Amino acid sequence: PASSWRVVRWPQARMPENGRAELR
């Protein structure tokens, strides 16, 4: 119960430099 997950598709079809900031 202490965690959760999602699958995300990055915009602009590329991995952002700071994925965690983008997610927030």
mmCIF file of all heavy atoms, coordinates in Angstrom:
data_MODEL
# 
_entry.id   MODEL 
# 
loop_
_atom_site.group_PDB 
_atom_site.id 
_atom_site.type_symbol 
_atom_site.label_atom_id 
_atom_site.label_alt_id 
_atom_site.label_comp_id 
_atom_site.label_asym_id 
_atom_site.label_entity_id 
_atom_site.label_seq_id 
_atom_site.pdbx_PDB_ins_code 
_atom_site.Cartn_x 
_atom_site.Cartn_y 
_atom_site.Cartn_z 
_atom_site.occupancy 
_atom_site.B_iso_or_equiv 
_atom_site.pdbx_formal_charge 
_atom_site.auth_seq_id 
_atom_site.auth_comp_id 
_atom_site.auth_asym_id 
_atom_site.auth_atom_id 
_atom_site.pdbx_PDB_model_num 
ATOM 1   N N   . PRO A 1 1  ? 0.795  -1.232 0.000   1.00 0.00 ? 1  PRO A N   1 
ATOM 2   C CA  . PRO A 1 1  ? 0.000  0.000  0.000   1.00 0.00 ? 1  PRO A CA  1 
ATOM 3   C C   . PRO A 1 1  ? 0.827  1.281  0.000   1.00 0.00 ? 1  PRO A C   1 
ATOM 4   O O   . PRO A 1 1  ? 0.263  2.373  -0.136  1.00 0.00 ? 1  PRO A O   1 
ATOM 5   C CB  . PRO A 1 1  ? -0.803 -0.102 1.314   1.00 0.00 ? 1  PRO A CB  1 
ATOM 6   C CG  . PRO A 1 1  ? -0.709 -1.511 1.746   1.00 0.00 ? 1  PRO A CG  1 
ATOM 7   C CD  . PRO A 1 1  ? 0.600  -2.004 1.241   1.00 0.00 ? 1  PRO A CD  1 
ATOM 8   N N   . ALA A 1 2  ? 2.145  1.168  0.147   1.00 0.00 ? 2  ALA A N   1 
ATOM 9   C CA  . ALA A 1 2  ? 2.984  2.353  0.307   1.00 0.00 ? 2  ALA A CA  1 
ATOM 10  C C   . ALA A 1 2  ? 3.455  2.938  -1.017  1.00 0.00 ? 2  ALA A C   1 
ATOM 11  O O   . ALA A 1 2  ? 4.219  3.899  -1.024  1.00 0.00 ? 2  ALA A O   1 
ATOM 12  C CB  . ALA A 1 2  ? 4.196  2.015  1.175   1.00 0.00 ? 2  ALA A CB  1 
ATOM 13  N N   . SER A 1 3  ? 3.018  2.378  -2.147  1.00 0.00 ? 3  SER A N   1 
ATOM 14  C CA  . SER A 1 3  ? 3.495  2.891  -3.432  1.00 0.00 ? 3  SER A CA  1 
ATOM 15  C C   . SER A 1 3  ? 2.428  2.697  -4.499  1.00 0.00 ? 3  SER A C   1 
ATOM 16  O O   . SER A 1 3  ? 1.494  1.904  -4.343  1.00 0.00 ? 3  SER A O   1 
ATOM 17  C CB  . SER A 1 3  ? 4.795  2.179  -3.853  1.00 0.00 ? 3  SER A CB  1 
ATOM 18  O OG  . SER A 1 3  ? 4.579  0.787  -3.972  1.00 0.00 ? 3  SER A OG  1 
ATOM 19  N N   . SER A 1 4  ? 2.585  3.425  -5.591  1.00 0.00 ? 4  SER A N   1 
ATOM 20  C CA  . SER A 1 4  ? 1.655  3.327  -6.707  1.00 0.00 ? 4  SER A CA  1 
ATOM 21  C C   . SER A 1 4  ? 2.427  3.529  -8.003  1.00 0.00 ? 4  SER A C   1 
ATOM 22  O O   . SER A 1 4  ? 3.537  4.087  -7.985  1.00 0.00 ? 4  SER A O   1 
ATOM 23  C CB  . SER A 1 4  ? 0.553  4.387  -6.569  1.00 0.00 ? 4  SER A CB  1 
ATOM 24  O OG  . SER A 1 4  ? -0.426 4.246  -7.587  1.00 0.00 ? 4  SER A OG  1 
ATOM 25  N N   . TRP A 1 5  ? 1.865  3.075  -9.131  1.00 0.00 ? 5  TRP A N   1 
ATOM 26  C CA  . TRP A 1 5  ? 2.580  3.191  -10.398 1.00 0.00 ? 5  TRP A CA  1 
ATOM 27  C C   . TRP A 1 5  ? 1.665  3.657  -11.522 1.00 0.00 ? 5  TRP A C   1 
ATOM 28  O O   . TRP A 1 5  ? 0.453  3.505  -11.472 1.00 0.00 ? 5  TRP A O   1 
ATOM 29  C CB  . TRP A 1 5  ? 3.235  1.864  -10.789 1.00 0.00 ? 5  TRP A CB  1 
ATOM 30  C CG  . TRP A 1 5  ? 2.278  0.765  -11.172 1.00 0.00 ? 5  TRP A CG  1 
ATOM 31  C CD1 . TRP A 1 5  ? 1.718  -0.176 -10.351 1.00 0.00 ? 5  TRP A CD1 1 
ATOM 32  C CD2 . TRP A 1 5  ? 1.756  0.481  -12.480 1.00 0.00 ? 5  TRP A CD2 1 
ATOM 33  N NE1 . TRP A 1 5  ? 0.901  -1.014 -11.047 1.00 0.00 ? 5  TRP A NE1 1 
ATOM 34  C CE2 . TRP A 1 5  ? 0.901  -0.630 -12.366 1.00 0.00 ? 5  TRP A CE2 1 
ATOM 35  C CE3 . TRP A 1 5  ? 1.928  1.071  -13.735 1.00 0.00 ? 5  TRP A CE3 1 
ATOM 36  C CZ2 . TRP A 1 5  ? 0.234  -1.172 -13.453 1.00 0.00 ? 5  TRP A CZ2 1 
ATOM 37  C CZ3 . TRP A 1 5  ? 1.248  0.536  -14.825 1.00 0.00 ? 5  TRP A CZ3 1 
ATOM 38  C CH2 . TRP A 1 5  ? 0.421  -0.582 -14.684 1.00 0.00 ? 5  TRP A CH2 1 
ATOM 39  N N   . ARG A 1 6  ? 2.277  4.239  -12.526 1.00 0.00 ? 6  ARG A N   1 
ATOM 40  C CA  . ARG A 1 6  ? 1.619  4.627  -13.769 1.00 0.00 ? 6  ARG A CA  1 
ATOM 41  C C   . ARG A 1 6  ? 2.613  4.460  -14.917 1.00 0.00 ? 6  ARG A C   1 
ATOM 42  O O   . ARG A 1 6  ? 3.824  4.513  -14.705 1.00 0.00 ? 6  ARG A O   1 
ATOM 43  C CB  . ARG A 1 6  ? 1.164  6.092  -13.743 1.00 0.00 ? 6  ARG A CB  1 
ATOM 44  C CG  . ARG A 1 6  ? 0.144  6.438  -12.682 1.00 0.00 ? 6  ARG A CG  1 
ATOM 45  C CD  . ARG A 1 6  ? -1.231 5.862  -12.974 1.00 0.00 ? 6  ARG A CD  1 
ATOM 46  N NE  . ARG A 1 6  ? -2.218 6.360  -12.029 1.00 0.00 ? 6  ARG A NE  1 
ATOM 47  C CZ  . ARG A 1 6  ? -2.465 5.832  -10.833 1.00 0.00 ? 6  ARG A CZ  1 
ATOM 48  N NH1 . ARG A 1 6  ? -1.742 4.787  -10.412 1.00 0.00 ? 6  ARG A NH1 1 
ATOM 49  N NH2 . ARG A 1 6  ? -3.388 6.338  -10.032 1.00 0.00 ? 6  ARG A NH2 1 
ATOM 50  N N   . VAL A 1 7  ? 2.100  4.257  -16.113 1.00 0.00 ? 7  VAL A N   1 
ATOM 51  C CA  . VAL A 1 7  ? 2.933  4.305  -17.320 1.00 0.00 ? 7  VAL A CA  1 
ATOM 52  C C   . VAL A 1 7  ? 2.670  5.641  -17.998 1.00 0.00 ? 7  VAL A C   1 
ATOM 53  O O   . VAL A 1 7  ? 1.515  6.007  -18.226 1.00 0.00 ? 7  VAL A O   1 
ATOM 54  C CB  . VAL A 1 7  ? 2.606  3.141  -18.281 1.00 0.00 ? 7  VAL A CB  1 
ATOM 55  C CG1 . VAL A 1 7  ? 3.340  3.329  -19.609 1.00 0.00 ? 7  VAL A CG1 1 
ATOM 56  C CG2 . VAL A 1 7  ? 3.008  1.811  -17.662 1.00 0.00 ? 7  VAL A CG2 1 
ATOM 57  N N   . VAL A 1 8  ? 3.718  6.395  -18.292 1.00 0.00 ? 8  VAL A N   1 
ATOM 58  C CA  . VAL A 1 8  ? 3.567  7.708  -18.918 1.00 0.00 ? 8  VAL A CA  1 
ATOM 59  C C   . VAL A 1 8  ? 4.227  7.695  -20.291 1.00 0.00 ? 8  VAL A C   1 
ATOM 60  O O   . VAL A 1 8  ? 5.222  7.002  -20.514 1.00 0.00 ? 8  VAL A O   1 
ATOM 61  C CB  . VAL A 1 8  ? 4.187  8.831  -18.055 1.00 0.00 ? 8  VAL A CB  1 
ATOM 62  C CG1 . VAL A 1 8  ? 3.524  8.900  -16.701 1.00 0.00 ? 8  VAL A CG1 1 
ATOM 63  C CG2 . VAL A 1 8  ? 5.682  8.653  -17.896 1.00 0.00 ? 8  VAL A CG2 1 
ATOM 64  N N   . ARG A 1 9  ? 3.625  8.435  -21.188 1.00 0.00 ? 9  ARG A N   1 
ATOM 65  C CA  . ARG A 1 9  ? 4.211  8.651  -22.511 1.00 0.00 ? 9  ARG A CA  1 
ATOM 66  C C   . ARG A 1 9  ? 4.728  10.087 -22.540 1.00 0.00 ? 9  ARG A C   1 
ATOM 67  O O   . ARG A 1 9  ? 3.984  11.029 -22.292 1.00 0.00 ? 9  ARG A O   1 
ATOM 68  C CB  . ARG A 1 9  ? 3.160  8.451  -23.607 1.00 0.00 ? 9  ARG A CB  1 
ATOM 69  C CG  . ARG A 1 9  ? 3.687  8.672  -25.017 1.00 0.00 ? 9  ARG A CG  1 
ATOM 70  C CD  . ARG A 1 9  ? 2.606  8.471  -26.049 1.00 0.00 ? 9  ARG A CD  1 
ATOM 71  N NE  . ARG A 1 9  ? 2.098  7.110  -26.018 1.00 0.00 ? 9  ARG A NE  1 
ATOM 72  C CZ  . ARG A 1 9  ? 1.095  6.676  -26.786 1.00 0.00 ? 9  ARG A CZ  1 
ATOM 73  N NH1 . ARG A 1 9  ? 0.475  7.513  -27.610 1.00 0.00 ? 9  ARG A NH1 1 
ATOM 74  N NH2 . ARG A 1 9  ? 0.690  5.429  -26.702 1.00 0.00 ? 9  ARG A NH2 1 
ATOM 75  N N   . TRP A 1 10 ? 6.016  10.235 -22.859 1.00 0.00 ? 10 TRP A N   1 
ATOM 76  C CA  . TRP A 1 10 ? 6.616  11.561 -22.811 1.00 0.00 ? 10 TRP A CA  1 
ATOM 77  C C   . TRP A 1 10 ? 6.126  12.418 -23.977 1.00 0.00 ? 10 TRP A C   1 
ATOM 78  O O   . TRP A 1 10 ? 6.011  11.933 -25.101 1.00 0.00 ? 10 TRP A O   1 
ATOM 79  C CB  . TRP A 1 10 ? 8.143  11.470 -22.857 1.00 0.00 ? 10 TRP A CB  1 
ATOM 80  C CG  . TRP A 1 10 ? 8.749  10.716 -21.723 1.00 0.00 ? 10 TRP A CG  1 
ATOM 81  C CD1 . TRP A 1 10 ? 9.420  9.539  -21.793 1.00 0.00 ? 10 TRP A CD1 1 
ATOM 82  C CD2 . TRP A 1 10 ? 8.735  11.082 -20.338 1.00 0.00 ? 10 TRP A CD2 1 
ATOM 83  N NE1 . TRP A 1 10 ? 9.837  9.139  -20.537 1.00 0.00 ? 10 TRP A NE1 1 
ATOM 84  C CE2 . TRP A 1 10 ? 9.424  10.074 -19.626 1.00 0.00 ? 10 TRP A CE2 1 
ATOM 85  C CE3 . TRP A 1 10 ? 8.210  12.157 -19.634 1.00 0.00 ? 10 TRP A CE3 1 
ATOM 86  C CZ2 . TRP A 1 10 ? 9.611  10.111 -18.262 1.00 0.00 ? 10 TRP A CZ2 1 
ATOM 87  C CZ3 . TRP A 1 10 ? 8.385  12.194 -18.254 1.00 0.00 ? 10 TRP A CZ3 1 
ATOM 88  C CH2 . TRP A 1 10 ? 9.077  11.196 -17.592 1.00 0.00 ? 10 TRP A CH2 1 
ATOM 89  N N   . PRO A 1 11 ? 5.861  13.708 -23.731 1.00 0.00 ? 11 PRO A N   1 
ATOM 90  C CA  . PRO A 1 11 ? 5.473  14.601 -24.828 1.00 0.00 ? 11 PRO A CA  1 
ATOM 91  C C   . PRO A 1 11 ? 6.654  14.857 -25.757 1.00 0.00 ? 11 PRO A C   1 
ATOM 92  O O   . PRO A 1 11 ? 7.810  14.629 -25.396 1.00 0.00 ? 11 PRO A O   1 
ATOM 93  C CB  . PRO A 1 11 ? 5.043  15.883 -24.104 1.00 0.00 ? 11 PRO A CB  1 
ATOM 94  C CG  . PRO A 1 11 ? 5.772  15.846 -22.806 1.00 0.00 ? 11 PRO A CG  1 
ATOM 95  C CD  . PRO A 1 11 ? 5.896  14.392 -22.435 1.00 0.00 ? 11 PRO A CD  1 
ATOM 96  N N   . GLN A 1 12 ? 6.355  15.327 -26.938 1.00 0.00 ? 12 GLN A N   1 
ATOM 97  C CA  . GLN A 1 12 ? 7.373  15.607 -27.965 1.00 0.00 ? 12 GLN A CA  1 
ATOM 98  C C   . GLN A 1 12 ? 8.190  14.356 -28.332 1.00 0.00 ? 12 GLN A C   1 
ATOM 99  O O   . GLN A 1 12 ? 9.278  14.462 -28.886 1.00 0.00 ? 12 GLN A O   1 
ATOM 100 C CB  . GLN A 1 12 ? 8.353  16.719 -27.520 1.00 0.00 ? 12 GLN A CB  1 
ATOM 101 C CG  . GLN A 1 12 ? 7.724  18.105 -27.451 1.00 0.00 ? 12 GLN A CG  1 
ATOM 102 C CD  . GLN A 1 12 ? 7.016  18.352 -26.129 1.00 0.00 ? 12 GLN A CD  1 
ATOM 103 O OE1 . GLN A 1 12 ? 7.556  18.047 -25.063 1.00 0.00 ? 12 GLN A OE1 1 
ATOM 104 N NE2 . GLN A 1 12 ? 5.819  18.899 -26.179 1.00 0.00 ? 12 GLN A NE2 1 
ATOM 105 N N   . ALA A 1 13 ? 7.642  13.189 -27.974 1.00 0.00 ? 13 ALA A N   1 
ATOM 106 C CA  . ALA A 1 13 ? 8.272  11.919 -28.371 1.00 0.00 ? 13 ALA A CA  1 
ATOM 107 C C   . ALA A 1 13 ? 9.735  11.842 -27.970 1.00 0.00 ? 13 ALA A C   1 
ATOM 108 O O   . ALA A 1 13 ? 10.567 11.280 -28.679 1.00 0.00 ? 13 ALA A O   1 
ATOM 109 C CB  . ALA A 1 13 ? 8.131  11.703 -29.886 1.00 0.00 ? 13 ALA A CB  1 
ATOM 110 N N   . ARG A 1 14 ? 10.081 12.387 -26.813 1.00 0.00 ? 14 ARG A N   1 
ATOM 111 C CA  . ARG A 1 14 ? 11.460 12.282 -26.343 1.00 0.00 ? 14 ARG A CA  1 
ATOM 112 C C   . ARG A 1 14 ? 11.472 12.270 -24.821 1.00 0.00 ? 14 ARG A C   1 
ATOM 113 O O   . ARG A 1 14 ? 10.561 12.784 -24.176 1.00 0.00 ? 14 ARG A O   1 
ATOM 114 C CB  . ARG A 1 14 ? 12.307 13.455 -26.854 1.00 0.00 ? 14 ARG A CB  1 
ATOM 115 C CG  . ARG A 1 14 ? 11.827 14.813 -26.369 1.00 0.00 ? 14 ARG A CG  1 
ATOM 116 C CD  . ARG A 1 14 ? 12.707 15.961 -26.840 1.00 0.00 ? 14 ARG A CD  1 
ATOM 117 N NE  . ARG A 1 14 ? 12.199 17.248 -26.407 1.00 0.00 ? 14 ARG A NE  1 
ATOM 118 C CZ  . ARG A 1 14 ? 12.390 17.754 -25.191 1.00 0.00 ? 14 ARG A CZ  1 
ATOM 119 N NH1 . ARG A 1 14 ? 13.094 17.070 -24.297 1.00 0.00 ? 14 ARG A NH1 1 
ATOM 120 N NH2 . ARG A 1 14 ? 11.889 18.932 -24.855 1.00 0.00 ? 14 ARG A NH2 1 
ATOM 121 N N   . MET A 1 15 ? 12.523 11.690 -24.276 1.00 0.00 ? 15 MET A N   1 
ATOM 122 C CA  . MET A 1 15 ? 12.692 11.642 -22.838 1.00 0.00 ? 15 MET A CA  1 
ATOM 123 C C   . MET A 1 15 ? 13.178 13.001 -22.339 1.00 0.00 ? 15 MET A C   1 
ATOM 124 O O   . MET A 1 15 ? 14.175 13.519 -22.829 1.00 0.00 ? 15 MET A O   1 
ATOM 125 C CB  . MET A 1 15 ? 13.710 10.570 -22.473 1.00 0.00 ? 15 MET A CB  1 
ATOM 126 C CG  . MET A 1 15 ? 13.831 10.299 -20.994 1.00 0.00 ? 15 MET A CG  1 
ATOM 127 S SD  . MET A 1 15 ? 12.499 9.246  -20.378 1.00 0.00 ? 15 MET A SD  1 
ATOM 128 C CE  . MET A 1 15 ? 12.986 7.659  -21.069 1.00 0.00 ? 15 MET A CE  1 
ATOM 129 N N   . PRO A 1 16 ? 12.484 13.640 -21.399 1.00 0.00 ? 16 PRO A N   1 
ATOM 130 C CA  . PRO A 1 16 ? 12.938 14.944 -20.895 1.00 0.00 ? 16 PRO A CA  1 
ATOM 131 C C   . PRO A 1 16 ? 14.231 14.812 -20.103 1.00 0.00 ? 16 PRO A C   1 
ATOM 132 O O   . PRO A 1 16 ? 14.547 13.745 -19.565 1.00 0.00 ? 16 PRO A O   1 
ATOM 133 C CB  . PRO A 1 16 ? 11.786 15.391 -19.999 1.00 0.00 ? 16 PRO A CB  1 
ATOM 134 C CG  . PRO A 1 16 ? 11.102 14.134 -19.592 1.00 0.00 ? 16 PRO A CG  1 
ATOM 135 C CD  . PRO A 1 16 ? 11.253 13.186 -20.738 1.00 0.00 ? 16 PRO A CD  1 
ATOM 136 N N   . GLU A 1 17 ? 14.987 15.922 -20.022 1.00 0.00 ? 17 GLU A N   1 
ATOM 137 C CA  . GLU A 1 17 ? 16.247 15.911 -19.286 1.00 0.00 ? 17 GLU A CA  1 
ATOM 138 C C   . GLU A 1 17 ? 16.017 15.663 -17.799 1.00 0.00 ? 17 GLU A C   1 
ATOM 139 O O   . GLU A 1 17 ? 16.797 14.979 -17.139 1.00 0.00 ? 17 GLU A O   1 
ATOM 140 C CB  . GLU A 1 17 ? 16.984 17.240 -19.492 1.00 0.00 ? 17 GLU A CB  1 
ATOM 141 C CG  . GLU A 1 17 ? 17.468 17.458 -20.918 1.00 0.00 ? 17 GLU A CG  1 
ATOM 142 C CD  . GLU A 1 17 ? 18.242 18.740 -21.064 1.00 0.00 ? 17 GLU A CD  1 
ATOM 143 O OE1 . GLU A 1 17 ? 18.477 19.402 -20.033 1.00 0.00 ? 17 GLU A OE1 1 
ATOM 144 O OE2 . GLU A 1 17 ? 18.636 19.078 -22.199 1.00 0.00 ? 17 GLU A OE2 1 
ATOM 145 N N   . ASN A 1 18 ? 14.958 16.235 -17.261 1.00 0.00 ? 18 ASN A N   1 
ATOM 146 C CA  . ASN A 1 18 ? 14.631 16.051 -15.843 1.00 0.00 ? 18 ASN A CA  1 
ATOM 147 C C   . ASN A 1 18 ? 13.239 15.432 -15.747 1.00 0.00 ? 18 ASN A C   1 
ATOM 148 O O   . ASN A 1 18 ? 12.238 16.134 -15.666 1.00 0.00 ? 18 ASN A O   1 
ATOM 149 C CB  . ASN A 1 18 ? 14.689 17.380 -15.092 1.00 0.00 ? 18 ASN A CB  1 
ATOM 150 C CG  . ASN A 1 18 ? 14.640 17.202 -13.583 1.00 0.00 ? 18 ASN A CG  1 
ATOM 151 O OD1 . ASN A 1 18 ? 14.079 16.219 -13.079 1.00 0.00 ? 18 ASN A OD1 1 
ATOM 152 N ND2 . ASN A 1 18 ? 15.216 18.134 -12.855 1.00 0.00 ? 18 ASN A ND2 1 
ATOM 153 N N   . GLY A 1 19 ? 13.214 14.089 -15.807 1.00 0.00 ? 19 GLY A N   1 
ATOM 154 C CA  . GLY A 1 19 ? 11.931 13.394 -15.823 1.00 0.00 ? 19 GLY A CA  1 
ATOM 155 C C   . GLY A 1 19 ? 11.117 13.611 -14.566 1.00 0.00 ? 19 GLY A C   1 
ATOM 156 O O   . GLY A 1 19 ? 9.890  13.746 -14.625 1.00 0.00 ? 19 GLY A O   1 
ATOM 157 N N   . ARG A 1 20 ? 11.781 13.665 -13.417 1.00 0.00 ? 20 ARG A N   1 
ATOM 158 C CA  . ARG A 1 20 ? 11.045 13.821 -12.163 1.00 0.00 ? 20 ARG A CA  1 
ATOM 159 C C   . ARG A 1 20 ? 10.359 15.188 -12.091 1.00 0.00 ? 20 ARG A C   1 
ATOM 160 O O   . ARG A 1 20 ? 9.216  15.294 -11.655 1.00 0.00 ? 20 ARG A O   1 
ATOM 161 C CB  . ARG A 1 20 ? 11.989 13.624 -10.977 1.00 0.00 ? 20 ARG A CB  1 
ATOM 162 C CG  . ARG A 1 20 ? 12.431 12.178 -10.788 1.00 0.00 ? 20 ARG A CG  1 
ATOM 163 C CD  . ARG A 1 20 ? 13.380 12.026 -9.612  1.00 0.00 ? 20 ARG A CD  1 
ATOM 164 N NE  . ARG A 1 20 ? 13.710 10.631 -9.368  1.00 0.00 ? 20 ARG A NE  1 
ATOM 165 C CZ  . ARG A 1 20 ? 14.661 9.980  -10.015 1.00 0.00 ? 20 ARG A CZ  1 
ATOM 166 N NH1 . ARG A 1 20 ? 15.354 10.606 -10.959 1.00 0.00 ? 20 ARG A NH1 1 
ATOM 167 N NH2 . ARG A 1 20 ? 14.906 8.700  -9.746  1.00 0.00 ? 20 ARG A NH2 1 
ATOM 168 N N   . ALA A 1 21 ? 11.063 16.234 -12.524 1.00 0.00 ? 21 ALA A N   1 
ATOM 169 C CA  . ALA A 1 21 ? 10.459 17.573 -12.514 1.00 0.00 ? 21 ALA A CA  1 
ATOM 170 C C   . ALA A 1 21 ? 9.280  17.632 -13.470 1.00 0.00 ? 21 ALA A C   1 
ATOM 171 O O   . ALA A 1 21 ? 8.232  18.228 -13.159 1.00 0.00 ? 21 ALA A O   1 
ATOM 172 C CB  . ALA A 1 21 ? 11.511 18.616 -12.891 1.00 0.00 ? 21 ALA A CB  1 
ATOM 173 N N   . GLU A 1 22 ? 9.423  16.995 -14.631 1.00 0.00 ? 22 GLU A N   1 
ATOM 174 C CA  . GLU A 1 22 ? 8.329  16.959 -15.605 1.00 0.00 ? 22 GLU A CA  1 
ATOM 175 C C   . GLU A 1 22 ? 7.114  16.254 -15.033 1.00 0.00 ? 22 GLU A C   1 
ATOM 176 O O   . GLU A 1 22 ? 5.973  16.689 -15.202 1.00 0.00 ? 22 GLU A O   1 
ATOM 177 C CB  . GLU A 1 22 ? 8.812  16.238 -16.868 1.00 0.00 ? 22 GLU A CB  1 
ATOM 178 C CG  . GLU A 1 22 ? 7.755  16.038 -17.939 1.00 0.00 ? 22 GLU A CG  1 
ATOM 179 C CD  . GLU A 1 22 ? 7.521  17.278 -18.789 1.00 0.00 ? 22 GLU A CD  1 
ATOM 180 O OE1 . GLU A 1 22 ? 8.381  18.176 -18.776 1.00 0.00 ? 22 GLU A OE1 1 
ATOM 181 O OE2 . GLU A 1 22 ? 6.472  17.333 -19.452 1.00 0.00 ? 22 GLU A OE2 1 
ATOM 182 N N   . LEU A 1 23 ? 7.354  15.168 -14.322 1.00 0.00 ? 23 LEU A N   1 
ATOM 183 C CA  . LEU A 1 23 ? 6.256  14.410 -13.736 1.00 0.00 ? 23 LEU A CA  1 
ATOM 184 C C   . LEU A 1 23 ? 5.523  15.213 -12.672 1.00 0.00 ? 23 LEU A C   1 
ATOM 185 O O   . LEU A 1 23 ? 4.295  15.163 -12.576 1.00 0.00 ? 23 LEU A O   1 
ATOM 186 C CB  . LEU A 1 23 ? 6.783  13.103 -13.137 1.00 0.00 ? 23 LEU A CB  1 
ATOM 187 C CG  . LEU A 1 23 ? 7.225  12.053 -14.158 1.00 0.00 ? 23 LEU A CG  1 
ATOM 188 C CD1 . LEU A 1 23 ? 7.993  10.949 -13.462 1.00 0.00 ? 23 LEU A CD1 1 
ATOM 189 C CD2 . LEU A 1 23 ? 6.017  11.485 -14.893 1.00 0.00 ? 23 LEU A CD2 1 
ATOM 190 N N   . ARG A 1 24 ? 6.265  15.947 -11.870 1.00 0.00 ? 24 ARG A N   1 
ATOM 191 C CA  . ARG A 1 24 ? 5.619  16.745 -10.821 1.00 0.00 ? 24 ARG A CA  1 
ATOM 192 C C   . ARG A 1 24 ? 4.758  17.848 -11.434 1.00 0.00 ? 24 ARG A C   1 
ATOM 193 O O   . ARG A 1 24 ? 3.736  18.230 -10.878 1.00 0.00 ? 24 ARG A O   1 
ATOM 194 C CB  . ARG A 1 24 ? 6.671  17.305 -9.864  1.00 0.00 ? 24 ARG A CB  1 
ATOM 195 C CG  . ARG A 1 24 ? 7.290  16.226 -8.972  1.00 0.00 ? 24 ARG A CG  1 
ATOM 196 C CD  . ARG A 1 24 ? 8.138  16.801 -7.845  1.00 0.00 ? 24 ARG A CD  1 
ATOM 197 N NE  . ARG A 1 24 ? 8.445  15.770 -6.862  1.00 0.00 ? 24 ARG A NE  1 
ATOM 198 C CZ  . ARG A 1 24 ? 9.578  15.066 -6.847  1.00 0.00 ? 24 ARG A CZ  1 
ATOM 199 N NH1 . ARG A 1 24 ? 10.497 15.292 -7.765  1.00 0.00 ? 24 ARG A NH1 1 
ATOM 200 N NH2 . ARG A 1 24 ? 9.783  14.142 -5.923  1.00 0.00 ? 24 ARG A NH2 1 
# 
